[in-house]
Amino acid sequence: MSSVYVGRFAPTPSGPLHAGSLVAALGSWLDARTHAGRWLVRIDDADTPRNVAGAAEAILDQLERCGLRADAPVSRQSQHTARYAAALETLIATHAAYPCACTRRELDAAADAAPGGRDRNEDHVYPGTCRHGVAGRTVRSWRLRVDGEAASKLGNDGPRIEWRDRRLGLQCQDVPREIGDFVLKRADGVWAYQLAVVVDDAAEGITDVVRGEDLASNTARQIVLQGKLGLSTPRYLHLPLVRGADGEKLSKQNGAVALAVDAPLDALRQAGRVLGVEVMGSNVAEWLAQAASAWPYRRLG
């Protein structure tokens, strides 16, 4: 990993920023500034069915109004499909990826038939149906073969992946048992989030991933994939979430309203409170400078 800090904010253009996504943007920006690093913005638009026309431009305008300016031209995942294809070819060549013919209905039925059934609110663990071939059926997706091999990257003896979050502390997940062989390219031809984000972070030299706590559960899978591709693992910092009156994470899916950009200082102050940063700056530039000095997550190790 480079000794020069490089961070990023990577929103999905499924709508404009809301109060919760500003927390992630501000936190990643403050962490980069505190550590004399570079801060990049990448529009994660690989999941094309989720993209909303004009949302990327709205997000960039909101960031600009809040004084959060990237240190390089904004990139977009839609420009990086060749990277993802090359990564998949590498995984196929090393027998780390394989084709899958399973449909969602088949996977649901297998999960329902398993001892104990399944929680309808949870994704099922892939049972490895196509690990040894698709038996003449149509290939629908591509999956990563998950086993204990990648765990050795962090000095683990078994399939449990351990990693230390800068805020949450020691985290671990048994990826084969809790997730199974996960998708790299979906049946609709869309590149899966896990592959796209790992490949892009490596290509852009990201040393520190700062994002919402709701994404912490993706980290072990991304570490496995980094190991399979021979990529460095960045440091991780998962930030507190903004929650609605019902206690649920504020998100576009549950009706979070767009961030008001006519009063950016007020928006920054609200986001700062969630992050434990309360300063007295009287304008955006002054507030951001003071907030960087008050950033609580200064330790990288």
C-alpha atoms as a PDB file:
ATOM      1  CA  MET A   1       0.000   0.000   0.000  1.00  0.00           C
ATOM      2  CA  SER A   2       1.227   3.492  -0.842  1.00  0.00           C
ATOM      3  CA  SER A   3       2.468   5.661   2.024  1.00  0.00           C
ATOM      4  CA  VAL A   4       0.543   8.580   0.508  1.00  0.00           C
ATOM      5  CA  TYR A   5      -3.045   8.676   1.719  1.00  0.00           C
ATOM      6  CA  VAL A   6      -5.674   8.431  -1.044  1.00  0.00           C
ATOM      7  CA  GLY A   7      -9.351   8.379  -0.084  1.00  0.00           C
ATOM      8  CA  ARG A   8     -12.576   8.520  -2.049  1.00  0.00           C
ATOM      9  CA  PHE A   9     -16.311   9.122  -1.995  1.00  0.00           C
ATOM     10  CA  ALA A  10     -18.188   6.809  -4.349  1.00  0.00           C
ATOM     11  CA  PRO A  11     -21.934   7.518  -4.460  1.00  0.00           C
ATOM     12  CA  THR A  12     -24.445   5.562  -6.529  1.00  0.00           C
ATOM     13  CA  PRO A  13     -26.414   7.965  -8.791  1.00  0.00           C
ATOM     14  CA  SER A  14     -29.818   6.625  -7.752  1.00  0.00           C
ATOM     15  CA  GLY A  15     -30.816  10.085  -6.548  1.00  0.00           C
ATOM     16  CA  PRO A  16     -29.293  13.229  -5.052  1.00  0.00           C
ATOM     17  CA  LEU A  17     -27.412  13.235  -1.750  1.00  0.00           C
ATOM     18  CA  HIS A  18     -29.463  13.144   1.443  1.00  0.00           C
ATOM     19  CA  ALA A  19     -28.409  13.804   5.051  1.00  0.00           C
ATOM     20  CA  GLY A  20     -26.993  10.289   5.443  1.00  0.00           C
ATOM     21  CA  SER A  21     -24.894  10.342   2.299  1.00  0.00           C
ATOM     22  CA  LEU A  22     -23.503  13.774   3.211  1.00  0.00           C
ATOM     23  CA  VAL A  23     -22.152  12.224   6.407  1.00  0.00           C
ATOM     24  CA  ALA A  24     -20.214   9.698   4.309  1.00  0.00           C
ATOM     25  CA  ALA A  25     -18.976  12.376   1.907  1.00  0.00           C
ATOM     26  CA  LEU A  26     -17.924  14.739   4.676  1.00  0.00           C
ATOM     27  CA  GLY A  27     -16.303  11.982   6.734  1.00  0.00           C
ATOM     28  CA  SER A  28     -14.211  10.738   3.825  1.00  0.00           C
ATOM     29  CA  TRP A  29     -13.201  14.316   2.922  1.00  0.00           C
ATOM     30  CA  LEU A  30     -12.233  15.185   6.509  1.00  0.00           C
ATOM     31  CA  ASP A  31     -10.215  12.000   6.904  1.00  0.00           C
ATOM     32  CA  ALA A  32      -8.268  12.757   3.730  1.00  0.00           C
ATOM     33  CA  ARG A  33      -7.620  16.368   4.733  1.00  0.00           C
ATOM     34  CA  THR A  34      -6.591  15.406   8.275  1.00  0.00           C
ATOM     35  CA  HIS A  35      -3.994  12.992   6.901  1.00  0.00           C
ATOM     36  CA  ALA A  36      -2.675  15.361   4.202  1.00  0.00           C
ATOM     37  CA  GLY A  37      -4.055  13.053   1.548  1.00  0.00           C
ATOM     38  CA  ARG A  38      -5.890  13.203  -1.748  1.00  0.00           C
ATOM     39  CA  TRP A  39      -9.676  12.881  -1.973  1.00  0.00           C
ATOM     40  CA  LEU A  40     -11.260  11.425  -5.104  1.00  0.00           C
ATOM     41  CA  VAL A  41     -14.865  11.251  -6.240  1.00  0.00           C
ATOM     42  CA  ARG A  42     -16.087   8.273  -8.270  1.00  0.00           C
ATOM     43  CA  ILE A  43     -19.643   7.880  -9.490  1.00  0.00           C
ATOM     44  CA  ASP A  44     -20.481   4.213  -8.898  1.00  0.00           C
ATOM     45  CA  ASP A  45     -22.890   3.811 -11.818  1.00  0.00           C
ATOM     46  CA  ALA A  46     -22.096   0.198 -12.751  1.00  0.00           C
ATOM     47  CA  ASP A  47     -25.518  -0.942 -11.487  1.00  0.00           C
ATOM     48  CA  THR A  48     -27.307   0.652 -14.435  1.00  0.00           C
ATOM     49  CA  PRO A  49     -30.897  -0.282 -13.421  1.00  0.00           C
ATOM     50  CA  ARG A  50     -30.484   1.871 -10.289  1.00  0.00           C
ATOM     51  CA  ASN A  51     -29.178   4.958 -12.100  1.00  0.00           C
ATOM     52  CA  VAL A  52     -31.448   7.996 -12.228  1.00  0.00           C
ATOM     53  CA  ALA A  53     -30.999  10.518 -15.040  1.00  0.00           C
ATOM     54  CA  GLY A  54     -29.363  13.703 -13.767  1.00  0.00           C
ATOM     55  CA  ALA A  55     -28.549  12.281 -10.333  1.00  0.00           C
ATOM     56  CA  ALA A  56     -24.772  12.260 -10.843  1.00  0.00           C
ATOM     57  CA  GLU A  57     -24.801  15.927 -11.828  1.00  0.00           C
ATOM     58  CA  ALA A  58     -27.011  16.770  -8.832  1.00  0.00           C
ATOM     59  CA  ILE A  59     -24.608  14.977  -6.476  1.00  0.00           C
ATOM     60  CA  LEU A  60     -21.582  16.823  -7.850  1.00  0.00           C
ATOM     61  CA  ASP A  61     -23.412  20.140  -7.501  1.00  0.00           C
ATOM     62  CA  GLN A  62     -24.307  19.362  -3.881  1.00  0.00           C
ATOM     63  CA  LEU A  63     -20.683  18.462  -3.078  1.00  0.00           C
ATOM     64  CA  GLU A  64     -19.458  21.692  -4.686  1.00  0.00           C
ATOM     65  CA  ARG A  65     -21.920  23.814  -2.708  1.00  0.00           C
ATOM     66  CA  CYS A  66     -20.712  22.149   0.494  1.00  0.00           C
ATOM     67  CA  GLY A  67     -17.068  22.910  -0.369  1.00  0.00           C
ATOM     68  CA  LEU A  68     -16.179  19.234  -0.920  1.00  0.00           C
ATOM     69  CA  ARG A  69     -14.029  19.366  -4.038  1.00  0.00           C
ATOM     70  CA  ALA A  70     -12.168  16.388  -5.467  1.00  0.00           C
ATOM     71  CA  ASP A  71      -8.419  16.510  -6.051  1.00  0.00           C
ATOM     72  CA  ALA A  72      -8.707  14.902  -9.502  1.00  0.00           C
ATOM     73  CA  PRO A  73     -11.297  14.710 -12.272  1.00  0.00           C
ATOM     74  CA  VAL A  74     -14.390  12.736 -11.298  1.00  0.00           C
ATOM     75  CA  SER A  75     -14.405   9.164 -12.608  1.00  0.00           C
ATOM     76  CA  ARG A  76     -17.362   6.892 -13.416  1.00  0.00           C
ATOM     77  CA  GLN A  77     -17.612   3.133 -13.210  1.00  0.00           C
ATOM     78  CA  SER A  78     -19.362   3.086 -16.571  1.00  0.00           C
ATOM     79  CA  GLN A  79     -15.983   4.061 -18.049  1.00  0.00           C
ATOM     80  CA  HIS A  80     -14.201   1.106 -16.435  1.00  0.00           C
ATOM     81  CA  THR A  81     -15.885  -1.976 -17.870  1.00  0.00           C
ATOM     82  CA  ALA A  82     -12.639  -3.116 -19.510  1.00  0.00           C
ATOM     83  CA  ARG A  83     -11.026  -3.237 -16.044  1.00  0.00           C
ATOM     84  CA  TYR A  84     -13.750  -5.495 -14.717  1.00  0.00           C
ATOM     85  CA  ALA A  85     -13.619  -7.805 -17.733  1.00  0.00           C
ATOM     86  CA  ALA A  86      -9.847  -8.157 -17.344  1.00  0.00           C
ATOM     87  CA  ALA A  87     -10.210  -8.952 -13.643  1.00  0.00           C
ATOM     88  CA  LEU A  88     -12.825 -11.616 -14.355  1.00  0.00           C
ATOM     89  CA  GLU A  89     -10.586 -13.168 -17.011  1.00  0.00           C
ATOM     90  CA  THR A  90      -7.758 -13.318 -14.462  1.00  0.00           C
ATOM     91  CA  LEU A  91     -10.012 -15.058 -11.958  1.00  0.00           C
ATOM     92  CA  ILE A  92     -11.246 -17.522 -14.578  1.00  0.00           C
ATOM     93  CA  ALA A  93      -7.674 -18.306 -15.661  1.00  0.00           C
ATOM     94  CA  THR A  94      -6.711 -19.100 -12.060  1.00  0.00           C
ATOM     95  CA  HIS A  95      -9.866 -21.199 -11.533  1.00  0.00           C
ATOM     96  CA  ALA A  96     -11.057 -18.720  -8.899  1.00  0.00           C
ATOM     97  CA  ALA A  97     -14.241 -17.890 -10.831  1.00  0.00           C
ATOM     98  CA  TYR A  98     -16.788 -20.143 -12.473  1.00  0.00           C
ATOM     99  CA  PRO A  99     -20.042 -19.865 -14.463  1.00  0.00           C
ATOM    100  CA  CYS A 100     -23.359 -20.309 -12.691  1.00  0.00           C
ATOM    101  CA  ALA A 101     -26.695 -21.330 -14.220  1.00  0.00           C
ATOM    102  CA  CYS A 102     -28.820 -20.999 -11.078  1.00  0.00           C
ATOM    103  CA  THR A 103     -31.952 -18.864 -11.151  1.00  0.00           C
ATOM    104  CA  ARG A 104     -33.223 -16.867  -8.195  1.00  0.00           C
ATOM    105  CA  ARG A 105     -36.206 -19.224  -7.946  1.00  0.00           C
ATOM    106  CA  GLU A 106     -33.910 -22.264  -7.739  1.00  0.00           C
ATOM    107  CA  LEU A 107     -31.760 -20.634  -5.066  1.00  0.00           C
ATOM    108  CA  ASP A 108     -34.813 -19.660  -3.022  1.00  0.00           C
ATOM    109  CA  ALA A 109     -36.175 -23.199  -3.259  1.00  0.00           C
ATOM    110  CA  ALA A 110     -32.846 -24.718  -2.168  1.00  0.00           C
ATOM    111  CA  ALA A 111     -32.663 -22.327   0.789  1.00  0.00           C
ATOM    112  CA  ASP A 112     -36.231 -23.129   1.823  1.00  0.00           C
ATOM    113  CA  ALA A 113     -35.456 -26.861   1.702  1.00  0.00           C
ATOM    114  CA  ALA A 114     -32.325 -26.536   3.845  1.00  0.00           C
ATOM    115  CA  PRO A 115     -32.539 -27.461   7.566  1.00  0.00           C
ATOM    116  CA  GLY A 116     -34.128 -24.554   9.386  1.00  0.00           C
ATOM    117  CA  GLY A 117     -35.241 -22.876   6.157  1.00  0.00           C
ATOM    118  CA  ARG A 118     -34.207 -19.262   5.755  1.00  0.00           C
ATOM    119  CA  ASP A 119     -34.975 -15.810   7.045  1.00  0.00           C
ATOM    120  CA  ARG A 120     -36.919 -13.995   4.343  1.00  0.00           C
ATOM    121  CA  ASN A 121     -35.094 -10.797   5.270  1.00  0.00           C
ATOM    122  CA  GLU A 122     -31.665 -12.300   4.659  1.00  0.00           C
ATOM    123  CA  ASP A 123     -29.875 -13.364   1.493  1.00  0.00           C
ATOM    124  CA  HIS A 124     -29.311 -17.093   1.330  1.00  0.00           C
ATOM    125  CA  VAL A 125     -25.872 -18.693   1.366  1.00  0.00           C
ATOM    126  CA  TYR A 126     -24.982 -20.006  -2.082  1.00  0.00           C
ATOM    127  CA  PRO A 127     -24.769 -23.844  -1.820  1.00  0.00           C
ATOM    128  CA  GLY A 128     -22.110 -24.284  -4.541  1.00  0.00           C
ATOM    129  CA  THR A 129     -24.479 -25.895  -7.027  1.00  0.00           C
ATOM    130  CA  CYS A 130     -22.462 -24.983 -10.123  1.00  0.00           C
ATOM    131  CA  ARG A 131     -18.954 -25.297  -8.695  1.00  0.00           C
ATOM    132  CA  HIS A 132     -18.316 -28.410 -10.792  1.00  0.00           C
ATOM    133  CA  GLY A 133     -20.110 -27.351 -13.982  1.00  0.00           C
ATOM    134  CA  VAL A 134     -23.484 -26.190 -15.268  1.00  0.00           C
ATOM    135  CA  ALA A 135     -24.486 -29.546 -16.794  1.00  0.00           C
ATOM    136  CA  GLY A 136     -25.392 -28.068 -20.170  1.00  0.00           C
ATOM    137  CA  ARG A 137     -27.610 -25.332 -18.760  1.00  0.00           C
ATOM    138  CA  THR A 138     -27.389 -21.679 -19.867  1.00  0.00           C
ATOM    139  CA  VAL A 139     -24.784 -19.637 -18.019  1.00  0.00           C
ATOM    140  CA  ARG A 140     -26.472 -16.787 -16.175  1.00  0.00           C
ATOM    141  CA  SER A 141     -23.765 -15.302 -13.973  1.00  0.00           C
ATOM    142  CA  TRP A 142     -20.190 -15.696 -12.762  1.00  0.00           C
ATOM    143  CA  ARG A 143     -19.211 -16.432  -9.164  1.00  0.00           C
ATOM    144  CA  LEU A 144     -16.053 -16.265  -7.071  1.00  0.00           C
ATOM    145  CA  ARG A 145     -14.950 -19.579  -5.599  1.00  0.00           C
ATOM    146  CA  VAL A 146     -14.646 -18.876  -1.874  1.00  0.00           C
ATOM    147  CA  ASP A 147     -12.465 -21.012   0.360  1.00  0.00           C
ATOM    148  CA  GLY A 148      -9.963 -20.667   3.157  1.00  0.00           C
ATOM    149  CA  GLU A 149      -7.101 -19.808   0.826  1.00  0.00           C
ATOM    150  CA  ALA A 150      -7.743 -16.060   0.822  1.00  0.00           C
ATOM    151  CA  ALA A 151      -7.729 -15.956   4.615  1.00  0.00           C
ATOM    152  CA  SER A 152      -3.987 -16.640   4.650  1.00  0.00           C
ATOM    153  CA  LYS A 153      -3.535 -13.157   3.214  1.00  0.00           C
ATOM    154  CA  LEU A 154      -4.204 -11.803   6.714  1.00  0.00           C
ATOM    155  CA  GLY A 155      -2.403 -14.611   8.498  1.00  0.00           C
ATOM    156  CA  ASN A 156      -5.571 -16.543   9.362  1.00  0.00           C
ATOM    157  CA  ASP A 157      -5.498 -20.322   9.617  1.00  0.00           C
ATOM    158  CA  GLY A 158      -9.021 -20.941   8.329  1.00  0.00           C
ATOM    159  CA  PRO A 159     -11.744 -19.410   6.200  1.00  0.00           C
ATOM    160  CA  ARG A 160     -12.640 -16.670   8.716  1.00  0.00           C
ATOM    161  CA  ILE A 161     -11.539 -13.261   7.472  1.00  0.00           C
ATOM    162  CA  GLU A 162     -10.408 -10.888  10.207  1.00  0.00           C
ATOM    163  CA  TRP A 163      -9.851  -7.178   9.712  1.00  0.00           C
ATOM    164  CA  ARG A 164      -9.623  -4.149  11.975  1.00  0.00           C
ATOM    165  CA  ASP A 165     -11.879  -1.189  11.412  1.00  0.00           C
ATOM    166  CA  ARG A 166     -10.554   2.167  12.597  1.00  0.00           C
ATOM    167  CA  ARG A 167     -13.799   2.855  14.462  1.00  0.00           C
ATOM    168  CA  LEU A 168     -15.500  -0.512  15.008  1.00  0.00           C
ATOM    169  CA  GLY A 169     -12.381  -2.450  16.016  1.00  0.00           C
ATOM    170  CA  LEU A 170     -11.744  -6.103  15.211  1.00  0.00           C
ATOM    171  CA  GLN A 171     -14.259  -7.584  12.753  1.00  0.00           C
ATOM    172  CA  CYS A 172     -14.505 -11.110  11.379  1.00  0.00           C
ATOM    173  CA  GLN A 173     -16.669 -13.120   9.020  1.00  0.00           C
ATOM    174  CA  ASP A 174     -16.668 -16.720   7.868  1.00  0.00           C
ATOM    175  CA  VAL A 175     -17.332 -15.970   4.202  1.00  0.00           C
ATOM    176  CA  PRO A 176     -17.788 -19.584   2.982  1.00  0.00           C
ATOM    177  CA  ARG A 177     -20.281 -20.358   5.744  1.00  0.00           C
ATOM    178  CA  GLU A 178     -22.074 -16.995   5.932  1.00  0.00           C
ATOM    179  CA  ILE A 179     -22.001 -15.897   2.267  1.00  0.00           C
ATOM    180  CA  GLY A 180     -20.802 -18.689  -0.012  1.00  0.00           C
ATOM    181  CA  ASP A 181     -19.503 -18.223  -3.556  1.00  0.00           C
ATOM    182  CA  PHE A 182     -20.678 -14.720  -4.415  1.00  0.00           C
ATOM    183  CA  VAL A 183     -21.574 -13.149  -7.758  1.00  0.00           C
ATOM    184  CA  LEU A 184     -19.036 -11.203  -9.833  1.00  0.00           C
ATOM    185  CA  LYS A 185     -21.185 -10.608 -12.914  1.00  0.00           C
ATOM    186  CA  ARG A 186     -24.956 -10.762 -12.698  1.00  0.00           C
ATOM    187  CA  ALA A 187     -27.442 -12.552 -14.915  1.00  0.00           C
ATOM    188  CA  ASP A 188     -28.491  -9.204 -16.442  1.00  0.00           C
ATOM    189  CA  GLY A 189     -24.875  -8.541 -17.508  1.00  0.00           C
ATOM    190  CA  VAL A 190     -24.244  -5.940 -14.802  1.00  0.00           C
ATOM    191  CA  TRP A 191     -20.901  -6.092 -13.006  1.00  0.00           C
ATOM    192  CA  ALA A 192     -21.442  -6.857  -9.335  1.00  0.00           C
ATOM    193  CA  TYR A 193     -20.671  -4.179  -6.760  1.00  0.00           C
ATOM    194  CA  GLN A 194     -18.016  -6.285  -5.002  1.00  0.00           C
ATOM    195  CA  LEU A 195     -15.897  -6.751  -8.140  1.00  0.00           C
ATOM    196  CA  ALA A 196     -16.298  -3.203  -9.439  1.00  0.00           C
ATOM    197  CA  VAL A 197     -15.402  -1.493  -6.174  1.00  0.00           C
ATOM    198  CA  VAL A 198     -12.371  -3.703  -5.503  1.00  0.00           C
ATOM    199  CA  VAL A 199     -10.974  -3.247  -9.008  1.00  0.00           C
ATOM    200  CA  ASP A 200     -11.579   0.506  -9.060  1.00  0.00           C
ATOM    201  CA  ASP A 201     -10.150   1.127  -5.605  1.00  0.00           C
ATOM    202  CA  ALA A 202      -6.973  -0.716  -6.607  1.00  0.00           C
ATOM    203  CA  ALA A 203      -6.695   1.062  -9.971  1.00  0.00           C
ATOM    204  CA  GLU A 204      -7.126   4.456  -8.301  1.00  0.00           C
ATOM    205  CA  GLY A 205      -4.595   3.714  -5.559  1.00  0.00           C
ATOM    206  CA  ILE A 206      -7.080   4.009  -2.711  1.00  0.00           C
ATOM    207  CA  THR A 207      -5.332   3.480   0.632  1.00  0.00           C
ATOM    208  CA  ASP A 208      -8.288   4.299   2.901  1.00  0.00           C
ATOM    209  CA  VAL A 209     -11.939   3.429   2.438  1.00  0.00           C
ATOM    210  CA  VAL A 210     -14.172   5.649   4.584  1.00  0.00           C
ATOM    211  CA  ARG A 211     -17.888   4.880   4.226  1.00  0.00           C
ATOM    212  CA  GLY A 212     -21.100   4.216   6.155  1.00  0.00           C
ATOM    213  CA  GLU A 213     -21.328   1.484   8.756  1.00  0.00           C
ATOM    214  CA  ASP A 214     -24.011  -0.269   6.696  1.00  0.00           C
ATOM    215  CA  LEU A 215     -21.308  -1.252   4.183  1.00  0.00           C
ATOM    216  CA  ALA A 216     -19.065  -2.927   6.769  1.00  0.00           C
ATOM    217  CA  SER A 217     -20.609  -6.332   5.987  1.00  0.00           C
ATOM    218  CA  ASN A 218     -19.157  -6.115   2.454  1.00  0.00           C
ATOM    219  CA  THR A 219     -15.587  -5.784   3.670  1.00  0.00           C
ATOM    220  CA  ALA A 220     -14.722  -9.448   4.207  1.00  0.00           C
ATOM    221  CA  ARG A 221     -15.906 -10.338   0.698  1.00  0.00           C
ATOM    222  CA  GLN A 222     -13.817  -7.517  -0.720  1.00  0.00           C
ATOM    223  CA  ILE A 223     -10.757  -8.706   1.191  1.00  0.00           C
ATOM    224  CA  VAL A 224     -11.254 -12.217  -0.210  1.00  0.00           C
ATOM    225  CA  LEU A 225     -11.485 -10.801  -3.721  1.00  0.00           C
ATOM    226  CA  GLN A 226      -8.410  -8.616  -3.195  1.00  0.00           C
ATOM    227  CA  GLY A 227      -6.506 -11.737  -2.182  1.00  0.00           C
ATOM    228  CA  LYS A 228      -7.627 -13.653  -5.262  1.00  0.00           C
ATOM    229  CA  LEU A 229      -6.529 -10.762  -7.518  1.00  0.00           C
ATOM    230  CA  GLY A 230      -3.248 -10.125  -5.686  1.00  0.00           C
ATOM    231  CA  LEU A 231      -4.299  -6.592  -4.679  1.00  0.00           C
ATOM    232  CA  SER A 232      -3.454  -4.611  -1.565  1.00  0.00           C
ATOM    233  CA  THR A 233      -6.066  -4.268   1.152  1.00  0.00           C
ATOM    234  CA  PRO A 234      -6.798  -0.655   2.144  1.00  0.00           C
ATOM    235  CA  ARG A 235      -7.526   0.511   5.659  1.00  0.00           C
ATOM    236  CA  TYR A 236     -11.218   0.763   6.538  1.00  0.00           C
ATOM    237  CA  LEU A 237     -13.189   3.264   8.577  1.00  0.00           C
ATOM    238  CA  HIS A 238     -16.952   2.784   8.818  1.00  0.00           C
ATOM    239  CA  LEU A 239     -18.854   5.841   9.976  1.00  0.00           C
ATOM    240  CA  PRO A 240     -21.990   6.223  12.122  1.00  0.00           C
ATOM    241  CA  LEU A 241     -25.293   6.242  10.260  1.00  0.00           C
ATOM    242  CA  VAL A 242     -28.062   8.811  10.179  1.00  0.00           C
ATOM    243  CA  ARG A 243     -31.266   7.118  11.291  1.00  0.00           C
ATOM    244  CA  GLY A 244     -34.898   8.050  10.832  1.00  0.00           C
ATOM    245  CA  ALA A 245     -37.537   8.335  13.539  1.00  0.00           C
ATOM    246  CA  ASP A 246     -38.164   4.574  13.222  1.00  0.00           C
ATOM    247  CA  GLY A 247     -34.513   3.808  13.975  1.00  0.00           C
ATOM    248  CA  GLU A 248     -33.824   2.575  10.449  1.00  0.00           C
ATOM    249  CA  LYS A 249     -30.904   3.823   8.382  1.00  0.00           C
ATOM    250  CA  LEU A 250     -31.819   6.924   6.395  1.00  0.00           C
ATOM    251  CA  SER A 251     -31.696   5.975   2.718  1.00  0.00           C
ATOM    252  CA  LYS A 252     -33.219   6.695  -0.657  1.00  0.00           C
ATOM    253  CA  GLN A 253     -35.120   3.414  -0.394  1.00  0.00           C
ATOM    254  CA  ASN A 254     -37.004   4.541   2.705  1.00  0.00           C
ATOM    255  CA  GLY A 255     -37.844   8.022   1.478  1.00  0.00           C
ATOM    256  CA  ALA A 256     -34.907  10.169   2.578  1.00  0.00           C
ATOM    257  CA  VAL A 257     -35.367  13.660   1.184  1.00  0.00           C
ATOM    258  CA  ALA A 258     -32.740  15.314  -0.995  1.00  0.00           C
ATOM    259  CA  LEU A 259     -30.143  17.389   0.816  1.00  0.00           C
ATOM    260  CA  ALA A 260     -31.028  21.095   0.788  1.00  0.00           C
ATOM    261  CA  VAL A 261     -28.122  22.937  -0.809  1.00  0.00           C
ATOM    262  CA  ASP A 262     -29.459  26.440  -0.244  1.00  0.00           C
ATOM    263  CA  ALA A 263     -28.028  26.310   3.300  1.00  0.00           C
ATOM    264  CA  PRO A 264     -24.842  24.235   2.979  1.00  0.00           C
ATOM    265  CA  LEU A 265     -23.363  25.397   6.290  1.00  0.00           C
ATOM    266  CA  ASP A 266     -26.403  24.116   8.180  1.00  0.00           C
ATOM    267  CA  ALA A 267     -26.158  20.787   6.320  1.00  0.00           C
ATOM    268  CA  LEU A 268     -22.462  20.467   7.191  1.00  0.00           C
ATOM    269  CA  ARG A 269     -23.133  21.234  10.845  1.00  0.00           C
ATOM    270  CA  GLN A 270     -25.791  18.530  11.029  1.00  0.00           C
ATOM    271  CA  ALA A 271     -23.495  16.006   9.347  1.00  0.00           C
ATOM    272  CA  GLY A 272     -20.664  17.037  11.664  1.00  0.00           C
ATOM    273  CA  ARG A 273     -22.750  16.292  14.750  1.00  0.00           C
ATOM    274  CA  VAL A 274     -23.255  12.714  13.576  1.00  0.00           C
ATOM    275  CA  LEU A 275     -19.482  12.388  13.162  1.00  0.00           C
ATOM    276  CA  GLY A 276     -18.708  13.909  16.563  1.00  0.00           C
ATOM    277  CA  VAL A 277     -17.436  17.160  15.049  1.00  0.00           C
ATOM    278  CA  GLU A 278     -18.967  20.378  16.364  1.00  0.00           C
ATOM    279  CA  VAL A 279     -17.105  23.580  15.506  1.00  0.00           C
ATOM    280  CA  MET A 280     -18.058  27.245  15.223  1.00  0.00           C
ATOM    281  CA  GLY A 281     -17.034  28.222  11.674  1.00  0.00           C
ATOM    282  CA  SER A 282     -19.180  31.031  10.299  1.00  0.00           C
ATOM    283  CA  ASN A 283     -18.889  30.047   6.618  1.00  0.00           C
ATOM    284  CA  VAL A 284     -18.328  26.830   4.691  1.00  0.00           C
ATOM    285  CA  ALA A 285     -14.568  27.221   4.193  1.00  0.00           C
ATOM    286  CA  GLU A 286     -13.953  28.222   7.811  1.00  0.00           C
ATOM    287  CA  TRP A 287     -16.167  25.433   9.145  1.00  0.00           C
ATOM    288  CA  LEU A 288     -14.406  22.785   7.046  1.00  0.00           C
ATOM    289  CA  ALA A 289     -10.958  23.976   8.169  1.00  0.00           C
ATOM    290  CA  GLN A 290     -11.979  23.817  11.828  1.00  0.00           C
ATOM    291  CA  ALA A 291     -13.694  20.467  11.336  1.00  0.00           C
ATOM    292  CA  ALA A 292     -10.524  18.932   9.879  1.00  0.00           C
ATOM    293  CA  SER A 293      -8.629  20.026  12.988  1.00  0.00           C
ATOM    294  CA  ALA A 294     -11.323  18.453  15.204  1.00  0.00           C
ATOM    295  CA  TRP A 295     -11.582  15.156  13.282  1.00  0.00           C
ATOM    296  CA  PRO A 296     -11.756  12.353  15.904  1.00  0.00           C
ATOM    297  CA  TYR A 297     -10.410   9.481  13.758  1.00  0.00           C
ATOM    298  CA  ARG A 298      -6.820  10.597  13.437  1.00  0.00           C
ATOM    299  CA  ARG A 299      -5.141   7.271  14.089  1.00  0.00           C
ATOM    300  CA  LEU A 300      -4.560   5.194  10.946  1.00  0.00           C
ATOM    301  CA  GLY A 301      -3.181   2.064  12.565  1.00  0.00           C
END
